[in-house]
């Protein structure tokens, strides 16, 4: 399972917040909703968030094995 908990921790430590992400950086409310609910986002969005927050991908997302993962 992809987990975006690191994103919220990184956002807290940065000078950015929900308001600046949506109004200054034009990250959509639906993208933030997807992050909040650990739903899929694009690699372009990951790239944008890394640039905005001046961080690495692992500061936004992590993989945690889960029984809910699809069978391979």
N, C-alpha and C. Protein backbone atom coordinates (compact mmCIF):
# COMPACT_ATOMS: atom_id res chain seq x y z
N UNK A 1 0.84 -1.17 0.00
CA UNK A 1 0.00 0.00 0.00
C UNK A 1 0.88 1.24 0.00
N UNK A 2 0.51 2.20 -0.81
CA UNK A 2 1.21 3.47 -0.83
C UNK A 2 0.64 4.35 0.27
N UNK A 3 1.52 4.94 1.06
CA UNK A 3 1.12 5.75 2.20
C UNK A 3 1.72 7.14 2.06
N UNK A 4 0.88 8.15 2.17
CA UNK A 4 1.33 9.54 2.03
C UNK A 4 1.50 10.25 3.36
N UNK A 5 1.57 9.52 4.46
CA UNK A 5 1.80 10.15 5.76
C UNK A 5 3.06 11.01 5.77
N UNK A 6 4.16 10.58 5.11
CA UNK A 6 5.34 11.45 5.10
C UNK A 6 5.07 12.82 4.46
N UNK A 7 4.16 12.87 3.49
CA UNK A 7 3.82 14.15 2.86
C UNK A 7 3.31 15.14 3.90
N UNK A 8 2.37 14.69 4.73
CA UNK A 8 1.77 15.60 5.71
C UNK A 8 2.79 16.05 6.74
N UNK A 9 3.72 15.17 7.10
CA UNK A 9 4.79 15.54 8.04
C UNK A 9 5.73 16.54 7.39
N UNK A 10 6.07 16.33 6.12
CA UNK A 10 6.95 17.23 5.39
C UNK A 10 6.28 18.58 5.20
N UNK A 11 4.99 18.57 4.87
CA UNK A 11 4.24 19.82 4.69
C UNK A 11 4.24 20.63 5.97
N UNK A 12 4.05 19.96 7.11
CA UNK A 12 4.04 20.64 8.41
C UNK A 12 5.36 21.36 8.67
N UNK A 13 6.47 20.71 8.28
CA UNK A 13 7.80 21.27 8.53
C UNK A 13 8.17 22.38 7.55
N UNK A 14 7.48 22.44 6.42
CA UNK A 14 7.79 23.43 5.40
C UNK A 14 7.07 24.74 5.69
N UNK A 15 7.32 25.72 4.87
CA UNK A 15 6.61 27.00 5.00
C UNK A 15 5.31 27.00 4.23
N UNK A 16 4.93 25.85 3.71
CA UNK A 16 3.71 25.74 2.89
C UNK A 16 2.57 25.15 3.73
N UNK A 17 1.37 25.29 3.21
CA UNK A 17 0.20 24.70 3.84
C UNK A 17 -0.84 24.42 2.75
N UNK A 18 -1.99 23.88 3.16
CA UNK A 18 -3.05 23.53 2.22
C UNK A 18 -3.40 24.74 1.35
N UNK A 19 -3.53 25.91 1.97
CA UNK A 19 -3.90 27.13 1.26
C UNK A 19 -2.87 27.50 0.19
N UNK A 20 -1.60 27.52 0.56
CA UNK A 20 -0.57 27.92 -0.42
C UNK A 20 -0.42 26.88 -1.53
N UNK A 21 -0.60 25.61 -1.19
CA UNK A 21 -0.51 24.59 -2.23
C UNK A 21 -1.59 24.80 -3.28
N UNK A 22 -2.81 25.13 -2.85
CA UNK A 22 -3.91 25.29 -3.80
C UNK A 22 -3.89 26.65 -4.48
N UNK A 23 -3.62 27.70 -3.75
CA UNK A 23 -3.74 29.05 -4.32
C UNK A 23 -2.46 29.59 -4.93
N UNK A 24 -1.33 29.25 -4.39
CA UNK A 24 -0.07 29.75 -4.94
C UNK A 24 0.52 28.78 -5.96
N UNK A 25 0.47 27.48 -5.64
CA UNK A 25 1.12 26.48 -6.49
C UNK A 25 0.14 25.71 -7.37
N UNK A 26 -1.14 26.01 -7.24
CA UNK A 26 -2.19 25.43 -8.10
C UNK A 26 -2.28 23.90 -8.03
N UNK A 27 -2.03 23.35 -6.85
CA UNK A 27 -2.31 21.94 -6.60
C UNK A 27 -3.81 21.85 -6.31
N UNK A 28 -4.50 20.97 -7.00
CA UNK A 28 -5.97 20.93 -6.87
C UNK A 28 -6.42 20.35 -5.53
N UNK A 29 -7.63 20.74 -5.14
CA UNK A 29 -8.24 20.18 -3.94
C UNK A 29 -8.38 18.67 -4.08
N UNK A 30 -8.70 18.21 -5.29
CA UNK A 30 -8.87 16.77 -5.49
C UNK A 30 -7.56 16.03 -5.29
N UNK A 31 -6.45 16.63 -5.67
CA UNK A 31 -5.14 16.00 -5.44
C UNK A 31 -4.86 15.90 -3.95
N UNK A 32 -5.13 16.96 -3.21
CA UNK A 32 -4.91 16.92 -1.77
C UNK A 32 -5.85 15.92 -1.10
N UNK A 33 -7.05 15.82 -1.62
CA UNK A 33 -8.00 14.81 -1.11
C UNK A 33 -7.44 13.40 -1.36
N UNK A 34 -6.89 13.19 -2.55
CA UNK A 34 -6.32 11.88 -2.90
C UNK A 34 -5.14 11.55 -1.97
N UNK A 35 -4.31 12.54 -1.69
CA UNK A 35 -3.19 12.33 -0.77
C UNK A 35 -3.70 11.98 0.63
N UNK A 36 -4.71 12.70 1.07
CA UNK A 36 -5.26 12.48 2.41
C UNK A 36 -5.82 11.06 2.56
N UNK A 37 -6.33 10.51 1.46
CA UNK A 37 -6.96 9.19 1.51
C UNK A 37 -6.10 8.09 0.87
N UNK A 38 -4.80 8.36 0.72
CA UNK A 38 -3.84 7.39 0.18
C UNK A 38 -4.30 6.80 -1.15
N UNK A 39 -4.81 7.66 -2.01
CA UNK A 39 -5.21 7.24 -3.35
C UNK A 39 -4.12 7.62 -4.34
N UNK A 40 -4.20 7.06 -5.53
CA UNK A 40 -3.17 7.27 -6.54
C UNK A 40 -3.04 8.74 -6.95
N UNK A 41 -1.79 9.17 -7.13
CA UNK A 41 -1.50 10.45 -7.75
C UNK A 41 -0.44 10.18 -8.82
N UNK A 42 -0.28 11.12 -9.73
CA UNK A 42 0.66 10.92 -10.82
C UNK A 42 2.10 11.20 -10.40
N UNK A 43 3.02 10.69 -11.17
CA UNK A 43 4.44 10.99 -10.91
C UNK A 43 4.73 12.46 -11.20
N UNK A 44 3.98 13.07 -12.09
CA UNK A 44 4.14 14.51 -12.33
C UNK A 44 3.79 15.28 -11.06
N UNK A 45 2.71 14.87 -10.39
CA UNK A 45 2.33 15.52 -9.14
C UNK A 45 3.39 15.30 -8.08
N UNK A 46 3.93 14.09 -7.99
CA UNK A 46 5.03 13.83 -7.05
C UNK A 46 6.20 14.76 -7.34
N UNK A 47 6.54 14.90 -8.61
CA UNK A 47 7.62 15.78 -9.01
C UNK A 47 7.33 17.22 -8.58
N UNK A 48 6.11 17.69 -8.85
CA UNK A 48 5.73 19.05 -8.47
C UNK A 48 5.83 19.26 -6.96
N UNK A 49 5.34 18.30 -6.19
CA UNK A 49 5.39 18.43 -4.73
C UNK A 49 6.83 18.43 -4.22
N UNK A 50 7.68 17.61 -4.82
CA UNK A 50 9.10 17.62 -4.43
C UNK A 50 9.73 18.98 -4.70
N UNK A 51 9.40 19.56 -5.83
CA UNK A 51 9.95 20.89 -6.17
C UNK A 51 9.41 21.96 -5.23
N UNK A 52 8.11 21.94 -4.97
CA UNK A 52 7.49 22.94 -4.10
C UNK A 52 8.05 22.84 -2.68
N UNK A 53 8.15 21.62 -2.16
CA UNK A 53 8.58 21.41 -0.78
C UNK A 53 10.09 21.24 -0.64
N UNK A 54 10.80 21.27 -1.77
CA UNK A 54 12.25 21.10 -1.77
C UNK A 54 12.65 19.85 -0.97
N UNK A 55 12.11 18.71 -1.42
CA UNK A 55 12.34 17.46 -0.69
C UNK A 55 12.51 16.31 -1.68
N UNK A 56 12.75 15.13 -1.15
CA UNK A 56 12.88 13.92 -1.94
C UNK A 56 11.56 13.15 -1.95
N UNK A 57 11.42 12.23 -2.88
CA UNK A 57 10.20 11.43 -3.00
C UNK A 57 9.88 10.72 -1.68
N UNK A 58 10.87 10.20 -1.01
CA UNK A 58 10.63 9.48 0.24
C UNK A 58 10.13 10.40 1.36
N UNK A 59 10.21 11.70 1.16
CA UNK A 59 9.64 12.65 2.12
C UNK A 59 8.14 12.86 1.87
N UNK A 60 7.63 12.25 0.80
CA UNK A 60 6.22 12.38 0.43
C UNK A 60 5.49 11.06 0.49
N UNK A 61 6.14 9.99 0.10
CA UNK A 61 5.46 8.71 -0.04
C UNK A 61 6.33 7.57 0.49
N UNK A 62 5.66 6.54 0.98
CA UNK A 62 6.38 5.32 1.37
C UNK A 62 5.49 4.12 1.02
N UNK A 63 6.13 3.00 0.87
CA UNK A 63 5.41 1.75 0.59
C UNK A 63 5.34 0.94 1.86
N UNK A 64 4.15 0.48 2.20
CA UNK A 64 3.96 -0.41 3.34
C UNK A 64 3.21 -1.64 2.84
N UNK A 65 3.81 -2.81 2.95
CA UNK A 65 3.09 -4.02 2.54
C UNK A 65 1.76 -4.12 3.27
N UNK A 66 0.77 -4.61 2.54
CA UNK A 66 -0.57 -4.71 3.10
C UNK A 66 -1.28 -5.93 2.53
N UNK A 67 -2.16 -6.49 3.30
CA UNK A 67 -2.96 -7.61 2.82
C UNK A 67 -3.97 -7.14 1.77
N UNK A 68 -4.19 -5.85 1.67
CA UNK A 68 -5.11 -5.30 0.68
C UNK A 68 -4.45 -5.12 -0.70
N UNK A 69 -3.14 -5.34 -0.77
CA UNK A 69 -2.44 -5.22 -2.06
C UNK A 69 -2.99 -6.27 -3.02
N UNK A 70 -3.01 -5.93 -4.29
CA UNK A 70 -3.50 -6.89 -5.27
C UNK A 70 -2.55 -8.07 -5.40
N UNK A 71 -3.09 -9.20 -5.74
CA UNK A 71 -2.29 -10.40 -5.93
C UNK A 71 -1.52 -10.27 -7.24
N UNK A 72 -0.25 -10.63 -7.20
CA UNK A 72 0.58 -10.54 -8.41
C UNK A 72 0.66 -11.87 -9.08
